[in-house]
Amino acid sequence: EGAYRIHAFRLPDRRLAVSFEDITERKIIRRELEESERKYRTLFDTMAQGVVFQDRDGRIISANPAAERILGLSFDQMRGSTSLDPRWRTIREDGSALPGEEHPAMVALQTGLPVLGFVMGVYSPAFKGNRWILVNASPQFQEDEKKPYQVYTTFEDITARYDLYSSIEKNTEQ
């Protein structure tokens, strides 16, 4: 039992040569790889957290449906843009402007270190206001390279919690 690749060759004097290559293990590995890809694609497409991949220059190269929903932009609208794009209109918790080079993804690309638990506001044209997100950025490295070739960020929409906390804080101050 198994899978084989058969090669037949014509030889002089009306002879034929046949070789057999056992490809059973290769087929098993391919099937396992396809199953793994299917699982991770399902996770990427259905998870509640937004995920965005950016290349070494900070250009967005991939985003999941949750990222589209949270940011209020389609992937086509995000593709190729960077954290430096002023259309993001990002702010810190104190309301001051957050320059693109200080976004978690850009810091992770520059330092090669992860950035965890960073809270920022990002303007969403779909919601005509800011969405507050809790961001984690993880640099990715090619083997034997010291500089990241890309970064992925995961983030969750904490707008409701942030607004609730802000209103409680304001009521406590009064």
C-alpha atoms as a PDB file:
ATOM      1  CA  GLU A   1       0.000   0.000   0.000  1.00  0.00           C
ATOM      2  CA  GLY A   2       1.125   3.519  -0.672  1.00  0.00           C
ATOM      3  CA  ALA A   3       1.477   6.135  -3.345  1.00  0.00           C
ATOM      4  CA  TYR A   4       4.005   5.811  -6.138  1.00  0.00           C
ATOM      5  CA  ARG A   5       5.162   7.914  -9.048  1.00  0.00           C
ATOM      6  CA  ILE A   6       5.912   5.827 -12.113  1.00  0.00           C
ATOM      7  CA  HIS A   7       8.313   6.969 -14.837  1.00  0.00           C
ATOM      8  CA  ALA A   8       8.552   5.090 -18.138  1.00  0.00           C
ATOM      9  CA  PHE A   9      11.372   5.677 -20.636  1.00  0.00           C
ATOM     10  CA  ARG A  10      11.842   4.369 -24.162  1.00  0.00           C
ATOM     11  CA  LEU A  11      15.155   2.746 -24.731  1.00  0.00           C
ATOM     12  CA  PRO A  12      16.783   1.729 -28.011  1.00  0.00           C
ATOM     13  CA  ASP A  13      15.765  -1.557 -29.646  1.00  0.00           C
ATOM     14  CA  ARG A  14      12.110  -1.228 -28.592  1.00  0.00           C
ATOM     15  CA  ARG A  15      12.913  -1.664 -24.938  1.00  0.00           C
ATOM     16  CA  LEU A  16      11.275   0.132 -22.018  1.00  0.00           C
ATOM     17  CA  ALA A  17      12.662   1.195 -18.652  1.00  0.00           C
ATOM     18  CA  VAL A  18      10.345   1.825 -15.725  1.00  0.00           C
ATOM     19  CA  SER A  19      11.187   3.424 -12.373  1.00  0.00           C
ATOM     20  CA  PHE A  20       9.015   3.620  -9.292  1.00  0.00           C
ATOM     21  CA  GLU A  21       9.270   6.349  -6.671  1.00  0.00           C
ATOM     22  CA  ASP A  22       7.529   5.905  -3.328  1.00  0.00           C
ATOM     23  CA  ILE A  23       5.796   9.228  -2.585  1.00  0.00           C
ATOM     24  CA  THR A  24       3.613   7.979   0.277  1.00  0.00           C
ATOM     25  CA  GLU A  25       5.335  10.060   2.943  1.00  0.00           C
ATOM     26  CA  ARG A  26       5.302  13.176   0.747  1.00  0.00           C
ATOM     27  CA  LYS A  27       1.520  12.799   0.241  1.00  0.00           C
ATOM     28  CA  ILE A  28       0.953  12.347   3.998  1.00  0.00           C
ATOM     29  CA  ILE A  29       3.006  15.461   4.769  1.00  0.00           C
ATOM     30  CA  ARG A  30       1.138  17.440   2.106  1.00  0.00           C
ATOM     31  CA  ARG A  31      -2.230  16.349   3.532  1.00  0.00           C
ATOM     32  CA  GLU A  32      -1.110  17.333   7.062  1.00  0.00           C
ATOM     33  CA  LEU A  33       0.129  20.694   5.805  1.00  0.00           C
ATOM     34  CA  GLU A  34      -3.172  21.369   4.017  1.00  0.00           C
ATOM     35  CA  GLU A  35      -5.092  20.486   7.193  1.00  0.00           C
ATOM     36  CA  SER A  36      -2.894  22.763   9.284  1.00  0.00           C
ATOM     37  CA  GLU A  37      -3.370  25.611   6.783  1.00  0.00           C
ATOM     38  CA  ARG A  38      -7.154  25.057   6.879  1.00  0.00           C
ATOM     39  CA  LYS A  39      -7.192  25.238  10.703  1.00  0.00           C
ATOM     40  CA  TYR A  40      -5.110  28.421  10.846  1.00  0.00           C
ATOM     41  CA  ARG A  41      -7.089  30.053   8.027  1.00  0.00           C
ATOM     42  CA  THR A  42     -10.325  29.301   9.915  1.00  0.00           C
ATOM     43  CA  LEU A  43      -8.864  30.775  13.108  1.00  0.00           C
ATOM     44  CA  PHE A  44      -7.597  33.888  11.262  1.00  0.00           C
ATOM     45  CA  ASP A  45     -10.963  34.419   9.564  1.00  0.00           C
ATOM     46  CA  THR A  46     -13.217  33.831  12.577  1.00  0.00           C
ATOM     47  CA  MET A  47     -11.355  35.119  15.644  1.00  0.00           C
ATOM     48  CA  ALA A  48     -12.744  38.152  17.496  1.00  0.00           C
ATOM     49  CA  GLN A  49      -9.401  39.971  17.663  1.00  0.00           C
ATOM     50  CA  GLY A  50      -8.158  42.007  14.744  1.00  0.00           C
ATOM     51  CA  VAL A  51      -4.948  40.841  13.098  1.00  0.00           C
ATOM     52  CA  VAL A  52      -2.845  42.918  10.718  1.00  0.00           C
ATOM     53  CA  PHE A  53       0.443  41.898   9.088  1.00  0.00           C
ATOM     54  CA  GLN A  54       2.847  44.605   7.914  1.00  0.00           C
ATOM     55  CA  ASP A  55       6.030  44.156   5.885  1.00  0.00           C
ATOM     56  CA  ARG A  56       9.464  45.459   6.923  1.00  0.00           C
ATOM     57  CA  ASP A  57       8.548  48.919   5.592  1.00  0.00           C
ATOM     58  CA  GLY A  58       5.333  48.976   7.617  1.00  0.00           C
ATOM     59  CA  ARG A  59       2.981  48.444   4.636  1.00  0.00           C
ATOM     60  CA  ILE A  60      -0.141  46.458   5.458  1.00  0.00           C
ATOM     61  CA  ILE A  61      -0.035  43.146   3.586  1.00  0.00           C
ATOM     62  CA  SER A  62      -2.819  41.198   5.302  1.00  0.00           C
ATOM     63  CA  ALA A  63      -5.748  41.794   7.656  1.00  0.00           C
ATOM     64  CA  ASN A  64      -8.454  39.534   8.988  1.00  0.00           C
ATOM     65  CA  PRO A  65     -12.218  40.237   8.964  1.00  0.00           C
ATOM     66  CA  ALA A  66     -12.167  41.284  12.640  1.00  0.00           C
ATOM     67  CA  ALA A  67      -9.569  43.967  11.828  1.00  0.00           C
ATOM     68  CA  GLU A  68     -11.836  45.250   9.060  1.00  0.00           C
ATOM     69  CA  ARG A  69     -14.802  45.316  11.430  1.00  0.00           C
ATOM     70  CA  ILE A  70     -12.938  47.009  14.308  1.00  0.00           C
ATOM     71  CA  LEU A  71     -11.216  49.609  12.151  1.00  0.00           C
ATOM     72  CA  GLY A  72     -14.236  50.190   9.909  1.00  0.00           C
ATOM     73  CA  LEU A  73     -12.163  49.714   6.744  1.00  0.00           C
ATOM     74  CA  SER A  74     -11.996  46.952   4.163  1.00  0.00           C
ATOM     75  CA  PHE A  75      -8.711  45.192   3.544  1.00  0.00           C
ATOM     76  CA  ASP A  76      -8.588  46.848   0.117  1.00  0.00           C
ATOM     77  CA  GLN A  77      -8.762  50.238   1.848  1.00  0.00           C
ATOM     78  CA  MET A  78      -5.950  49.273   4.242  1.00  0.00           C
ATOM     79  CA  ARG A  79      -3.683  47.372   1.837  1.00  0.00           C
ATOM     80  CA  GLY A  80      -0.363  49.114   1.264  1.00  0.00           C
ATOM     81  CA  SER A  81      -0.930  51.879   3.804  1.00  0.00           C
ATOM     82  CA  THR A  82       1.455  52.286   6.726  1.00  0.00           C
ATOM     83  CA  SER A  83       1.212  53.487  10.299  1.00  0.00           C
ATOM     84  CA  LEU A  84       2.687  56.762   9.051  1.00  0.00           C
ATOM     85  CA  ASP A  85      -0.471  57.506   7.027  1.00  0.00           C
ATOM     86  CA  PRO A  86      -2.097  60.568   8.678  1.00  0.00           C
ATOM     87  CA  ARG A  87      -5.585  59.255   7.819  1.00  0.00           C
ATOM     88  CA  TRP A  88      -5.374  56.953  10.856  1.00  0.00           C
ATOM     89  CA  ARG A  89      -5.550  60.017  13.144  1.00  0.00           C
ATOM     90  CA  THR A  90      -4.272  58.013  16.092  1.00  0.00           C
ATOM     91  CA  ILE A  91      -4.235  59.381  19.609  1.00  0.00           C
ATOM     92  CA  ARG A  92      -2.867  58.456  23.001  1.00  0.00           C
ATOM     93  CA  GLU A  93      -5.082  57.885  26.016  1.00  0.00           C
ATOM     94  CA  ASP A  94      -4.605  61.504  27.060  1.00  0.00           C
ATOM     95  CA  GLY A  95      -5.992  62.658  23.693  1.00  0.00           C
ATOM     96  CA  SER A  96      -2.666  63.879  22.279  1.00  0.00           C
ATOM     97  CA  ALA A  97      -1.610  62.892  18.769  1.00  0.00           C
ATOM     98  CA  LEU A  98       0.234  59.597  18.388  1.00  0.00           C
ATOM     99  CA  PRO A  99       2.751  59.856  15.533  1.00  0.00           C
ATOM    100  CA  GLY A 100       2.902  56.872  13.183  1.00  0.00           C
ATOM    101  CA  GLU A 101       6.485  56.032  14.079  1.00  0.00           C
ATOM    102  CA  GLU A 102       5.312  55.450  17.674  1.00  0.00           C
ATOM    103  CA  HIS A 103       2.609  52.937  16.721  1.00  0.00           C
ATOM    104  CA  PRO A 104       3.289  49.520  18.262  1.00  0.00           C
ATOM    105  CA  ALA A 105       3.942  47.861  14.872  1.00  0.00           C
ATOM    106  CA  MET A 106       6.529  50.456  13.885  1.00  0.00           C
ATOM    107  CA  VAL A 107       8.247  50.279  17.290  1.00  0.00           C
ATOM    108  CA  ALA A 108       8.397  46.463  17.027  1.00  0.00           C
ATOM    109  CA  LEU A 109       9.897  46.732  13.520  1.00  0.00           C
ATOM    110  CA  GLN A 110      12.488  49.277  14.691  1.00  0.00           C
ATOM    111  CA  THR A 111      13.505  47.582  17.942  1.00  0.00           C
ATOM    112  CA  GLY A 112      12.907  43.937  17.088  1.00  0.00           C
ATOM    113  CA  LEU A 113      11.058  43.614  20.392  1.00  0.00           C
ATOM    114  CA  PRO A 114       7.370  42.895  21.005  1.00  0.00           C
ATOM    115  CA  VAL A 115       5.095  45.689  22.203  1.00  0.00           C
ATOM    116  CA  LEU A 116       2.361  44.448  24.533  1.00  0.00           C
ATOM    117  CA  GLY A 117      -0.773  46.011  26.011  1.00  0.00           C
ATOM    118  CA  PHE A 118      -0.585  49.362  24.204  1.00  0.00           C
ATOM    119  CA  VAL A 119      -3.841  51.389  24.282  1.00  0.00           C
ATOM    120  CA  MET A 120      -4.502  53.813  21.460  1.00  0.00           C
ATOM    121  CA  GLY A 121      -7.370  55.546  19.738  1.00  0.00           C
ATOM    122  CA  VAL A 122      -7.749  55.237  15.979  1.00  0.00           C
ATOM    123  CA  TYR A 123     -10.183  57.200  13.866  1.00  0.00           C
ATOM    124  CA  SER A 124     -12.737  55.053  12.068  1.00  0.00           C
ATOM    125  CA  PRO A 125     -14.481  56.603   9.075  1.00  0.00           C
ATOM    126  CA  ALA A 126     -17.224  53.958   9.317  1.00  0.00           C
ATOM    127  CA  PHE A 127     -18.043  54.987  12.885  1.00  0.00           C
ATOM    128  CA  LYS A 128     -17.142  58.665  12.390  1.00  0.00           C
ATOM    129  CA  GLY A 129     -15.179  58.646  15.611  1.00  0.00           C
ATOM    130  CA  ASN A 130     -12.393  56.991  17.545  1.00  0.00           C
ATOM    131  CA  ARG A 131     -12.212  53.308  18.363  1.00  0.00           C
ATOM    132  CA  TRP A 132     -10.063  52.459  21.359  1.00  0.00           C
ATOM    133  CA  ILE A 133      -7.936  49.387  20.801  1.00  0.00           C
ATOM    134  CA  LEU A 134      -5.610  47.322  22.963  1.00  0.00           C
ATOM    135  CA  VAL A 135      -2.669  46.382  20.738  1.00  0.00           C
ATOM    136  CA  ASN A 136       0.087  43.763  20.817  1.00  0.00           C
ATOM    137  CA  ALA A 137       2.778  43.850  18.113  1.00  0.00           C
ATOM    138  CA  SER A 138       5.131  40.938  17.458  1.00  0.00           C
ATOM    139  CA  PRO A 139       8.124  41.249  15.124  1.00  0.00           C
ATOM    140  CA  GLN A 140       8.820  38.246  12.874  1.00  0.00           C
ATOM    141  CA  PHE A 141      12.318  37.188  11.834  1.00  0.00           C
ATOM    142  CA  GLN A 142      13.729  35.126   8.988  1.00  0.00           C
ATOM    143  CA  GLU A 143      16.182  32.474  10.090  1.00  0.00           C
ATOM    144  CA  ASP A 144      19.607  33.940  10.965  1.00  0.00           C
ATOM    145  CA  GLU A 145      18.456  37.558  10.497  1.00  0.00           C
ATOM    146  CA  LYS A 146      18.539  40.181  13.229  1.00  0.00           C
ATOM    147  CA  LYS A 147      16.081  42.647  11.674  1.00  0.00           C
ATOM    148  CA  PRO A 148      12.385  41.735  11.417  1.00  0.00           C
ATOM    149  CA  TYR A 149      11.030  41.073   7.931  1.00  0.00           C
ATOM    150  CA  GLN A 150       7.477  41.756   9.092  1.00  0.00           C
ATOM    151  CA  VAL A 151       5.332  42.413  12.140  1.00  0.00           C
ATOM    152  CA  TYR A 152       1.896  41.264  13.068  1.00  0.00           C
ATOM    153  CA  THR A 153      -0.390  43.103  15.422  1.00  0.00           C
ATOM    154  CA  THR A 154      -3.354  41.715  17.268  1.00  0.00           C
ATOM    155  CA  PHE A 155      -5.848  44.075  18.788  1.00  0.00           C
ATOM    156  CA  GLU A 156      -9.216  44.135  20.423  1.00  0.00           C
ATOM    157  CA  ASP A 157     -11.824  46.848  20.490  1.00  0.00           C
ATOM    158  CA  ILE A 158     -12.037  48.167  24.038  1.00  0.00           C
ATOM    159  CA  THR A 159     -14.130  51.235  23.158  1.00  0.00           C
ATOM    160  CA  ALA A 160     -17.083  50.235  25.353  1.00  0.00           C
ATOM    161  CA  ARG A 161     -14.832  49.488  28.359  1.00  0.00           C
ATOM    162  CA  TYR A 162     -12.772  52.603  27.765  1.00  0.00           C
ATOM    163  CA  ASP A 163     -15.880  54.830  27.523  1.00  0.00           C
ATOM    164  CA  LEU A 164     -17.348  53.256  30.680  1.00  0.00           C
ATOM    165  CA  TYR A 165     -14.086  53.739  32.584  1.00  0.00           C
ATOM    166  CA  SER A 166     -13.838  57.348  31.370  1.00  0.00           C
ATOM    167  CA  SER A 167     -17.381  58.164  32.479  1.00  0.00           C
ATOM    168  CA  ILE A 168     -16.824  56.586  35.909  1.00  0.00           C
ATOM    169  CA  GLU A 169     -13.575  58.533  36.245  1.00  0.00           C
ATOM    170  CA  LYS A 170     -15.351  61.807  35.341  1.00  0.00           C
ATOM    171  CA  ASN A 171     -18.169  61.157  37.836  1.00  0.00           C
ATOM    172  CA  THR A 172     -15.620  60.389  40.567  1.00  0.00           C
ATOM    173  CA  GLU A 173     -13.827  63.700  39.902  1.00  0.00           C
ATOM    174  CA  GLN A 174     -17.052  65.716  40.316  1.00  0.00           C
END
